[in-house]
Amino acid sequence: MRYIKYLFLLAIAFCLLILALANRSSVQIKLLPEELAAYLGQPFSYELPLFVIIFAGIVVGLLIGFVWEWLREHKHRADARSQKREKEKLLREVKGIKAQTARDKGQDEVLALLDNAT
């Protein structure tokens, strides 16, 4: 299975390399409309190879997707944290009840402590 994953990643890398080689020509990208750029006095336009713009778009899309999912799953992470705290609280209560029961039965306290450790 690991080899299939590596083969898949190699195929993706090869496709991205071919895409980069095919789109080496420079294109002008404008970050603002011409009127707004003239008003601000800065020409926000750059000459970049097309593959850089394509790869930057892919990276920005991935980052937006990761952040979106992280925000969407916040509720699930909060529920998991509260359930973990509740579980730990209940385990402490069960150990206390076992120790109390052992003391009530007249069992030695050392044996009760050993029983709680397991």
C-alpha atoms as a PDB file:
ATOM      1  CA  MET A   1       0.000   0.000   0.000  1.00  0.00           C
ATOM      2  CA  ARG A   2       2.895   2.315   0.776  1.00  0.00           C
ATOM      3  CA  TYR A   3       4.310   1.825  -2.717  1.00  0.00           C
ATOM      4  CA  ILE A   4       0.978   2.738  -4.288  1.00  0.00           C
ATOM      5  CA  LYS A   5       0.985   5.976  -2.281  1.00  0.00           C
ATOM      6  CA  TYR A   6       4.529   6.795  -3.416  1.00  0.00           C
ATOM      7  CA  LEU A   7       3.645   5.964  -7.015  1.00  0.00           C
ATOM      8  CA  PHE A   8       0.607   8.256  -6.820  1.00  0.00           C
ATOM      9  CA  LEU A   9       2.670  11.109  -5.343  1.00  0.00           C
ATOM     10  CA  LEU A  10       5.298  10.604  -8.030  1.00  0.00           C
ATOM     11  CA  ALA A  11       2.620  10.798 -10.748  1.00  0.00           C
ATOM     12  CA  ILE A  12       1.258  14.033  -9.255  1.00  0.00           C
ATOM     13  CA  ALA A  13       4.769  15.519  -9.059  1.00  0.00           C
ATOM     14  CA  PHE A  14       5.405  14.537 -12.681  1.00  0.00           C
ATOM     15  CA  CYS A  15       2.146  16.166 -13.814  1.00  0.00           C
ATOM     16  CA  LEU A  16       2.969  19.357 -11.900  1.00  0.00           C
ATOM     17  CA  LEU A  17       6.447  19.430 -13.444  1.00  0.00           C
ATOM     18  CA  ILE A  18       5.004  19.048 -16.949  1.00  0.00           C
ATOM     19  CA  LEU A  19       2.478  21.800 -16.174  1.00  0.00           C
ATOM     20  CA  ALA A  20       5.254  24.113 -14.993  1.00  0.00           C
ATOM     21  CA  LEU A  21       7.378  23.450 -18.064  1.00  0.00           C
ATOM     22  CA  ALA A  22       4.454  24.050 -20.410  1.00  0.00           C
ATOM     23  CA  ASN A  23       3.512  27.381 -18.760  1.00  0.00           C
ATOM     24  CA  ARG A  24       6.823  29.174 -18.390  1.00  0.00           C
ATOM     25  CA  SER A  25       5.792  32.312 -20.246  1.00  0.00           C
ATOM     26  CA  SER A  26       5.320  35.457 -18.178  1.00  0.00           C
ATOM     27  CA  VAL A  27       1.890  36.958 -17.709  1.00  0.00           C
ATOM     28  CA  GLN A  28       0.882  40.207 -16.097  1.00  0.00           C
ATOM     29  CA  ILE A  29      -1.312  39.894 -13.032  1.00  0.00           C
ATOM     30  CA  LYS A  30      -3.131  42.959 -11.716  1.00  0.00           C
ATOM     31  CA  LEU A  31      -4.200  43.013  -8.104  1.00  0.00           C
ATOM     32  CA  LEU A  32      -6.417  46.119  -8.448  1.00  0.00           C
ATOM     33  CA  PRO A  33      -8.482  47.589 -11.274  1.00  0.00           C
ATOM     34  CA  GLU A  34      -6.628  50.259 -13.264  1.00  0.00           C
ATOM     35  CA  GLU A  35      -8.779  53.121 -11.950  1.00  0.00           C
ATOM     36  CA  LEU A  36      -8.233  52.214  -8.320  1.00  0.00           C
ATOM     37  CA  ALA A  37      -4.498  51.652  -8.862  1.00  0.00           C
ATOM     38  CA  ALA A  38      -4.230  55.089 -10.515  1.00  0.00           C
ATOM     39  CA  TYR A  39      -6.110  56.665  -7.607  1.00  0.00           C
ATOM     40  CA  LEU A  40      -3.726  55.087  -5.088  1.00  0.00           C
ATOM     41  CA  GLY A  41      -0.711  55.973  -7.195  1.00  0.00           C
ATOM     42  CA  GLN A  42       0.637  52.416  -7.139  1.00  0.00           C
ATOM     43  CA  PRO A  43       0.471  50.086 -10.115  1.00  0.00           C
ATOM     44  CA  PHE A  44      -0.340  46.824  -8.350  1.00  0.00           C
ATOM     45  CA  SER A  45       0.633  44.617 -11.287  1.00  0.00           C
ATOM     46  CA  TYR A  46       3.382  42.050 -11.548  1.00  0.00           C
ATOM     47  CA  GLU A  47       4.970  39.932 -14.262  1.00  0.00           C
ATOM     48  CA  LEU A  48       5.113  36.300 -13.178  1.00  0.00           C
ATOM     49  CA  PRO A  49       5.381  32.948 -14.923  1.00  0.00           C
ATOM     50  CA  LEU A  50       1.963  31.382 -15.360  1.00  0.00           C
ATOM     51  CA  PHE A  51       2.868  28.216 -13.445  1.00  0.00           C
ATOM     52  CA  VAL A  52       3.681  30.314 -10.344  1.00  0.00           C
ATOM     53  CA  ILE A  53       0.187  31.792 -10.452  1.00  0.00           C
ATOM     54  CA  ILE A  54      -1.366  28.349 -10.925  1.00  0.00           C
ATOM     55  CA  PHE A  55       0.615  26.832  -8.034  1.00  0.00           C
ATOM     56  CA  ALA A  56      -0.136  29.848  -5.814  1.00  0.00           C
ATOM     57  CA  GLY A  57      -3.843  29.365  -6.548  1.00  0.00           C
ATOM     58  CA  ILE A  58      -3.613  25.712  -5.565  1.00  0.00           C
ATOM     59  CA  VAL A  59      -1.810  26.546  -2.312  1.00  0.00           C
ATOM     60  CA  VAL A  60      -4.269  29.314  -1.413  1.00  0.00           C
ATOM     61  CA  GLY A  61      -7.181  26.977  -2.120  1.00  0.00           C
ATOM     62  CA  LEU A  62      -5.698  24.279   0.108  1.00  0.00           C
ATOM     63  CA  LEU A  63      -5.099  26.749   2.927  1.00  0.00           C
ATOM     64  CA  ILE A  64      -8.650  28.059   2.719  1.00  0.00           C
ATOM     65  CA  GLY A  65      -9.959  24.475   2.791  1.00  0.00           C
ATOM     66  CA  PHE A  66      -7.837  23.546   5.818  1.00  0.00           C
ATOM     67  CA  VAL A  67      -8.914  26.622   7.768  1.00  0.00           C
ATOM     68  CA  TRP A  68     -12.557  26.070   6.815  1.00  0.00           C
ATOM     69  CA  GLU A  69     -12.472  22.469   8.039  1.00  0.00           C
ATOM     70  CA  TRP A  70     -10.650  23.429  11.236  1.00  0.00           C
ATOM     71  CA  LEU A  71     -13.349  25.990  12.014  1.00  0.00           C
ATOM     72  CA  ARG A  72     -16.143  23.585  11.061  1.00  0.00           C
ATOM     73  CA  GLU A  73     -14.819  20.829  13.332  1.00  0.00           C
ATOM     74  CA  HIS A  74     -14.451  23.092  16.374  1.00  0.00           C
ATOM     75  CA  LYS A  75     -17.721  21.781  17.817  1.00  0.00           C
ATOM     76  CA  HIS A  76     -16.530  18.172  17.564  1.00  0.00           C
ATOM     77  CA  ARG A  77     -13.193  18.947  19.234  1.00  0.00           C
ATOM     78  CA  ALA A  78     -14.964  20.791  22.069  1.00  0.00           C
ATOM     79  CA  ASP A  79     -17.311  17.811  22.595  1.00  0.00           C
ATOM     80  CA  ALA A  80     -14.356  15.422  22.664  1.00  0.00           C
ATOM     81  CA  ARG A  81     -12.581  17.555  25.285  1.00  0.00           C
ATOM     82  CA  SER A  82     -15.654  17.692  27.516  1.00  0.00           C
ATOM     83  CA  GLN A  83     -16.212  13.932  27.183  1.00  0.00           C
ATOM     84  CA  LYS A  84     -12.580  13.281  28.093  1.00  0.00           C
ATOM     85  CA  ARG A  85     -12.907  15.430  31.230  1.00  0.00           C
ATOM     86  CA  GLU A  86     -16.139  13.653  32.147  1.00  0.00           C
ATOM     87  CA  LYS A  87     -14.511  10.234  31.640  1.00  0.00           C
ATOM     88  CA  GLU A  88     -11.565  11.144  33.865  1.00  0.00           C
ATOM     89  CA  LYS A  89     -13.933  12.445  36.542  1.00  0.00           C
ATOM     90  CA  LEU A  90     -15.983   9.241  36.451  1.00  0.00           C
ATOM     91  CA  LEU A  91     -12.849   7.089  36.660  1.00  0.00           C
ATOM     92  CA  ARG A  92     -11.748   8.977  39.775  1.00  0.00           C
ATOM     93  CA  GLU A  93     -15.198   8.455  41.283  1.00  0.00           C
ATOM     94  CA  VAL A  94     -15.115   4.712  40.518  1.00  0.00           C
ATOM     95  CA  LYS A  95     -11.681   4.371  42.136  1.00  0.00           C
ATOM     96  CA  GLY A  96     -12.936   6.230  45.204  1.00  0.00           C
ATOM     97  CA  ILE A  97     -15.993   4.002  45.452  1.00  0.00           C
ATOM     98  CA  LYS A  98     -13.828   0.873  45.135  1.00  0.00           C
ATOM     99  CA  ALA A  99     -11.546   2.120  47.899  1.00  0.00           C
ATOM    100  CA  GLN A 100     -14.527   2.963  50.122  1.00  0.00           C
ATOM    101  CA  THR A 101     -16.054  -0.458  49.509  1.00  0.00           C
ATOM    102  CA  ALA A 102     -12.766  -2.158  50.347  1.00  0.00           C
ATOM    103  CA  ARG A 103     -12.505  -0.177  53.590  1.00  0.00           C
ATOM    104  CA  ASP A 104     -16.108  -1.019  54.485  1.00  0.00           C
ATOM    105  CA  LYS A 105     -15.433  -4.718  54.009  1.00  0.00           C
ATOM    106  CA  GLY A 106     -12.564  -4.491  56.440  1.00  0.00           C
ATOM    107  CA  GLN A 107      -9.903  -5.062  53.822  1.00  0.00           C
ATOM    108  CA  ASP A 108      -6.462  -3.808  54.610  1.00  0.00           C
ATOM    109  CA  GLU A 109      -5.841  -0.251  53.340  1.00  0.00           C
ATOM    110  CA  VAL A 110      -2.592  -1.298  51.694  1.00  0.00           C
ATOM    111  CA  LEU A 111      -4.471  -3.918  49.672  1.00  0.00           C
ATOM    112  CA  ALA A 112      -7.101  -1.310  48.772  1.00  0.00           C
ATOM    113  CA  LEU A 113      -4.398   1.030  47.511  1.00  0.00           C
ATOM    114  CA  LEU A 114      -2.875  -1.764  45.434  1.00  0.00           C
ATOM    115  CA  ASP A 115      -6.306  -2.583  44.050  1.00  0.00           C
ATOM    116  CA  ASN A 116      -6.792   1.071  43.041  1.00  0.00           C
ATOM    117  CA  ALA A 117      -3.440   1.137  41.232  1.00  0.00           C
ATOM    118  CA  THR A 118      -4.554  -1.542  38.785  1.00  0.00           C
END
